[in-house]
């Protein structure tokens, strides 16, 4: 993949700045550093997307390492660099790449943590293995276990239960539409066996499926591509009333999953 030519130059530059700094903090022990998620699918949209990373280091991560990365994250969050400010991901030990064990430094949307074992799995891990971009180091994806179908199905089942419980009502946050994109990505995988970016999955569903909530999906794509629309009151009201449509989409996903399970039996 000639990713450097396809990806916006500023994103590539930000990733390289971050990984160079991270490598220094880790004593030049990074084995491999990857970008995955929206940016790797050429689906990064400023004001909407996060910039996802996965770093593997040949060292035992310590509380002191976590403190250094916590300080770096604070600097980035206050940075004018719109890409460094939205970095999310994990730094994991090479020794635990197969077992998922060992100390892990985690950066999330609202907080960072010092964890035991890394959490990247399911759709995100499949995406890294299939479409991830190697920022630096050597490509070790052949050493990382690919999530089996059972794990993917379990993730879909868990998401369905989460949507039923927590997405009955939505607020005016632009990311209320994420449920529709996650549902679309799940349907895309159930029907094709592949993973893809949120926008592509949603467009595929629009073109290939007949669901009563497709109109909502079209508007969700419009909002993802133009996040500034979320400042308009009409769009805020639309976001606030998405709950019923999300539940309808969730029912379609559940039906597709049950159909797949019955077919495989």
Protein backbone atom coordinates (compact mmCIF):
# COMPACT_ATOMS: atom_id res chain seq x y z
CA UNK A 1 0.00 0.00 0.00
CA UNK A 2 1.50 3.35 -1.03
CA UNK A 3 -0.10 4.85 2.04
CA UNK A 4 2.09 7.93 2.15
CA UNK A 5 0.74 9.00 -1.24
CA UNK A 6 -2.88 8.31 -0.39
CA UNK A 7 -2.95 9.69 3.14
CA UNK A 8 -3.04 13.36 3.88
CA UNK A 9 0.52 14.50 4.48
CA UNK A 10 -0.25 16.23 7.78
CA UNK A 11 -1.58 13.00 9.29
CA UNK A 12 1.50 11.04 8.26
CA UNK A 13 3.74 13.77 9.66
CA UNK A 14 1.86 13.79 12.99
CA UNK A 15 2.15 10.01 13.31
CA UNK A 16 5.87 10.13 12.63
CA UNK A 17 6.35 12.91 15.21
CA UNK A 18 4.47 10.89 17.80
CA UNK A 19 6.28 7.60 17.14
CA UNK A 20 9.70 9.27 17.13
CA UNK A 21 8.91 10.83 20.50
CA UNK A 22 7.46 7.57 21.84
CA UNK A 23 10.54 5.64 20.78
CA UNK A 24 12.78 8.05 22.69
CA UNK A 25 10.62 7.70 25.80
CA UNK A 26 10.88 3.91 25.53
CA UNK A 27 14.67 3.85 25.08
CA UNK A 28 14.48 3.13 21.34
CA UNK A 29 12.75 -0.20 21.98
CA UNK A 30 9.81 0.08 19.57
CA UNK A 31 9.52 -3.04 17.42
CA UNK A 32 6.56 -1.90 15.33
CA UNK A 33 4.21 1.08 15.29
CA UNK A 34 0.94 0.98 13.35
CA UNK A 35 -1.90 3.27 12.43
CA UNK A 36 -5.27 1.59 12.02
CA UNK A 37 -8.93 2.58 11.95
CA UNK A 38 -10.36 5.46 9.94
CA UNK A 39 -7.04 6.91 8.79
CA UNK A 40 -5.82 3.55 7.49
CA UNK A 41 -9.06 3.19 5.52
CA UNK A 42 -8.59 6.70 4.05
CA UNK A 43 -11.72 7.66 6.00
CA UNK A 44 -10.39 10.20 8.50
CA UNK A 45 -12.55 13.31 8.87
CA UNK A 46 -11.38 16.24 10.98
CA UNK A 47 -13.82 17.11 13.71
CA UNK A 48 -15.18 13.57 13.78
CA UNK A 49 -12.46 10.90 13.64
CA UNK A 50 -9.79 9.76 16.09
CA UNK A 51 -6.27 8.84 14.99
CA UNK A 52 -5.67 5.27 16.15
CA UNK A 53 -2.26 3.74 16.91
CA UNK A 54 -0.90 0.42 18.10
CA UNK A 55 2.72 0.29 19.27
CA UNK A 56 4.66 -2.84 20.16
CA UNK A 57 7.79 -2.32 22.29
CA UNK A 58 10.44 -4.85 23.31
CA UNK A 59 10.47 -3.79 26.94
CA UNK A 60 8.58 -4.16 30.20
CA UNK A 61 6.39 -1.09 30.53
CA UNK A 62 6.55 0.57 33.94
CA UNK A 63 4.59 3.09 35.98
CA UNK A 64 7.29 5.61 35.14
CA UNK A 65 6.75 4.96 31.42
CA UNK A 66 3.06 5.54 31.94
CA UNK A 67 3.75 8.82 33.72
CA UNK A 68 5.90 10.02 30.81
CA UNK A 69 3.21 9.12 28.30
CA UNK A 70 0.53 10.70 30.47
CA UNK A 71 2.50 13.94 30.36
CA UNK A 72 2.93 13.63 26.60
CA UNK A 73 -0.78 13.06 26.15
CA UNK A 74 -1.55 16.19 28.17
CA UNK A 75 0.74 18.18 25.89
CA UNK A 76 -0.90 16.75 22.79
CA UNK A 77 -4.43 17.39 24.08
CA UNK A 78 -3.54 21.06 24.44
CA UNK A 79 -1.71 21.16 21.13
CA UNK A 80 -2.82 23.13 18.10
CA UNK A 81 -1.93 20.09 16.02
CA UNK A 82 -5.38 18.74 15.20
CA UNK A 83 -4.05 15.22 14.67
CA UNK A 84 -1.80 14.80 17.72
CA UNK A 85 -4.75 16.02 19.82
CA UNK A 86 -6.95 13.06 18.76
CA UNK A 87 -4.46 10.20 19.10
CA UNK A 88 -5.87 7.05 20.70
CA UNK A 89 -4.40 3.61 21.11
CA UNK A 90 -2.18 1.24 23.06
CA UNK A 91 1.49 0.59 23.69
CA UNK A 92 1.99 -3.10 24.38
CA UNK A 93 4.94 -5.39 25.23
CA UNK A 94 6.33 -7.57 22.44
CA UNK A 95 6.57 -10.47 24.88
CA UNK A 96 2.77 -10.45 25.27
CA UNK A 97 1.77 -9.95 21.66
CA UNK A 98 0.27 -13.44 21.42
CA UNK A 99 -0.92 -13.93 24.99
CA UNK A 100 -2.27 -10.35 25.35
CA UNK A 101 -0.56 -10.23 28.75
CA UNK A 102 1.79 -7.71 30.32
CA UNK A 103 1.64 -4.04 31.25
CA UNK A 104 -0.02 -1.80 28.67
CA UNK A 105 -0.25 1.98 28.26
CA UNK A 106 -3.69 2.96 26.99
CA UNK A 107 -4.81 6.31 25.55
CA UNK A 108 -8.56 6.76 25.20
CA UNK A 109 -10.86 9.60 24.25
CA UNK A 110 -11.34 10.93 27.77
CA UNK A 111 -8.59 9.28 29.82
CA UNK A 112 -5.45 7.17 29.81
CA UNK A 113 -4.76 4.08 31.89
CA UNK A 114 -2.01 1.66 32.87
CA UNK A 115 -3.59 -1.70 32.11
CA UNK A 116 -2.83 -5.39 32.34
CA UNK A 117 -3.17 -6.88 28.87
CA UNK A 118 -4.13 -5.08 25.70
CA UNK A 119 -7.70 -4.61 24.60
CA UNK A 120 -7.39 -4.39 20.82
CA UNK A 121 -9.41 -7.27 19.36
CA UNK A 122 -12.40 -8.10 17.21
CA UNK A 123 -13.14 -5.65 14.42
CA UNK A 124 -10.37 -3.24 15.38
CA UNK A 125 -7.71 -5.95 15.39
CA UNK A 126 -8.98 -7.38 12.11
CA UNK A 127 -8.76 -3.90 10.66
CA UNK A 128 -5.18 -3.48 11.84
CA UNK A 129 -4.16 -6.86 10.42
CA UNK A 130 -5.93 -6.33 7.10
CA UNK A 131 -5.44 -2.62 6.44
CA UNK A 132 -3.12 -1.16 9.07
CA UNK A 133 -0.27 1.14 8.08
CA UNK A 134 3.22 0.44 9.43
CA UNK A 135 4.51 3.80 10.66
CA UNK A 136 7.93 2.48 11.66
CA UNK A 137 9.75 -0.70 12.65
CA UNK A 138 9.28 -4.13 11.13
CA UNK A 139 5.93 -5.60 10.19
CA UNK A 140 5.06 -8.26 12.78
CA UNK A 141 1.40 -8.74 11.92
CA UNK A 142 2.04 -12.39 11.06
CA UNK A 143 2.87 -12.87 14.76
CA UNK A 144 -0.37 -11.31 16.02
CA UNK A 145 -3.30 -13.74 16.40
CA UNK A 146 -6.18 -12.97 14.06
CA UNK A 147 -9.52 -12.76 15.90
CA UNK A 148 -11.57 -15.89 15.10
CA UNK A 149 -15.15 -15.72 13.88
CA UNK A 150 -16.44 -16.64 17.34
CA UNK A 151 -14.77 -13.56 18.82
CA UNK A 152 -16.20 -11.36 16.07
CA UNK A 153 -19.71 -12.72 16.64
CA UNK A 154 -19.34 -12.25 20.38
CA UNK A 155 -18.41 -8.62 19.77
CA UNK A 156 -21.48 -8.13 17.59
CA UNK A 157 -23.71 -9.75 20.22
CA UNK A 158 -22.24 -7.54 22.93
CA UNK A 159 -22.78 -4.43 20.82
CA UNK A 160 -26.42 -5.38 20.18
CA UNK A 161 -27.04 -5.66 23.93
CA UNK A 162 -25.28 -2.35 24.53
CA UNK A 163 -27.39 -0.60 21.90
CA UNK A 164 -30.60 -2.02 23.32
CA UNK A 165 -29.65 -0.77 26.76
CA UNK A 166 -27.92 2.55 26.16
CA UNK A 167 -29.00 3.86 22.73
CA UNK A 168 -32.75 4.05 23.28
CA UNK A 169 -32.29 7.77 23.67
CA UNK A 170 -29.59 9.92 22.12
CA UNK A 171 -28.32 13.43 22.72
CA UNK A 172 -27.04 16.17 20.43
CA UNK A 173 -23.49 14.87 20.33
CA UNK A 174 -22.33 14.21 16.77
CA UNK A 175 -21.12 10.75 17.78
CA UNK A 176 -24.68 9.60 18.39
CA UNK A 177 -24.55 8.55 14.72
CA UNK A 178 -21.65 6.19 15.47
CA UNK A 179 -24.14 3.49 16.37
CA UNK A 180 -25.40 3.50 12.78
CA UNK A 181 -21.86 3.21 11.44
CA UNK A 182 -20.93 0.41 13.84
CA UNK A 183 -24.09 -1.45 12.86
CA UNK A 184 -23.21 -0.96 9.18
CA UNK A 185 -19.68 -2.27 9.71
CA UNK A 186 -21.09 -5.33 11.47
CA UNK A 187 -23.59 -6.02 8.70
CA UNK A 188 -20.83 -5.58 6.11
CA UNK A 189 -18.70 -8.16 7.90
CA UNK A 190 -21.59 -10.59 8.33
CA UNK A 191 -22.35 -10.46 4.62
CA UNK A 192 -18.84 -10.22 3.12
CA UNK A 193 -16.50 -11.62 5.75
CA UNK A 194 -14.38 -8.45 5.49
CA UNK A 195 -13.79 -5.35 7.59
CA UNK A 196 -13.81 -1.81 6.23
CA UNK A 197 -14.10 1.82 7.23
CA UNK A 198 -17.30 3.35 8.56
CA UNK A 199 -18.14 5.43 5.51
CA UNK A 200 -17.51 2.62 3.04
CA UNK A 201 -19.55 0.17 5.13
CA UNK A 202 -22.46 2.61 5.32
CA UNK A 203 -22.38 3.26 1.58
CA UNK A 204 -22.24 -0.48 0.91
CA UNK A 205 -25.32 -1.01 3.07
CA UNK A 206 -27.13 1.76 1.20
CA UNK A 207 -26.30 0.16 -2.14
CA UNK A 208 -26.84 -3.49 -1.28
CA UNK A 209 -29.47 -3.75 1.46
CA UNK A 210 -33.08 -2.78 1.90
CA UNK A 211 -33.62 -1.57 5.43
CA UNK A 212 -36.28 0.90 6.61
CA UNK A 213 -33.59 3.03 8.31
CA UNK A 214 -31.49 3.68 5.19
CA UNK A 215 -32.60 7.31 5.08
CA UNK A 216 -31.01 7.88 8.48
CA UNK A 217 -27.81 6.25 7.27
CA UNK A 218 -27.60 8.63 4.33
CA UNK A 219 -27.82 11.61 6.67
CA UNK A 220 -25.27 10.02 9.00
CA UNK A 221 -22.79 9.84 6.11
CA UNK A 222 -23.45 13.48 5.27
CA UNK A 223 -22.72 14.47 8.87
CA UNK A 224 -19.55 12.37 9.07
CA UNK A 225 -18.19 14.00 5.92
CA UNK A 226 -19.16 17.50 7.08
CA UNK A 227 -18.97 17.55 10.91
CA UNK A 228 -19.57 21.30 11.09
CA UNK A 229 -23.22 20.60 10.26
CA UNK A 230 -23.63 19.37 13.85
CA UNK A 231 -23.50 23.00 15.00
CA UNK A 232 -26.82 23.71 13.27
CA UNK A 233 -29.92 23.45 15.45
CA UNK A 234 -31.81 21.36 12.91
CA UNK A 235 -29.05 18.75 12.93
CA UNK A 236 -28.85 18.83 16.72
CA UNK A 237 -32.55 18.09 16.92
CA UNK A 238 -32.11 15.27 14.42
CA UNK A 239 -29.29 13.78 16.53
CA UNK A 240 -31.46 14.02 19.62
CA UNK A 241 -34.21 11.98 17.98
CA UNK A 242 -32.08 9.14 16.60
CA UNK A 243 -32.89 6.60 19.31
CA UNK A 244 -35.83 4.94 17.56
CA UNK A 245 -33.93 4.67 14.27
CA UNK A 246 -30.89 3.19 15.97
CA UNK A 247 -33.06 0.55 17.64
CA UNK A 248 -34.58 -0.27 14.24
CA UNK A 249 -31.10 -0.64 12.75
CA UNK A 250 -30.07 -2.80 15.69
CA UNK A 251 -33.02 -5.12 15.00
CA UNK A 252 -31.81 -5.50 11.40
CA UNK A 253 -28.32 -6.37 12.60
CA UNK A 254 -29.67 -8.91 15.05
CA UNK A 255 -31.75 -10.53 12.30
CA UNK A 256 -28.72 -10.72 9.98
CA UNK A 257 -26.62 -12.33 12.71
CA UNK A 258 -29.29 -14.90 13.52
CA UNK A 259 -29.59 -15.70 9.82
CA UNK A 260 -25.84 -16.30 9.59
CA UNK A 261 -25.85 -18.54 12.65
CA UNK A 262 -28.77 -20.59 11.30
CA UNK A 263 -27.08 -20.90 7.89
CA UNK A 264 -23.83 -22.13 9.42
CA UNK A 265 -25.70 -24.78 11.40
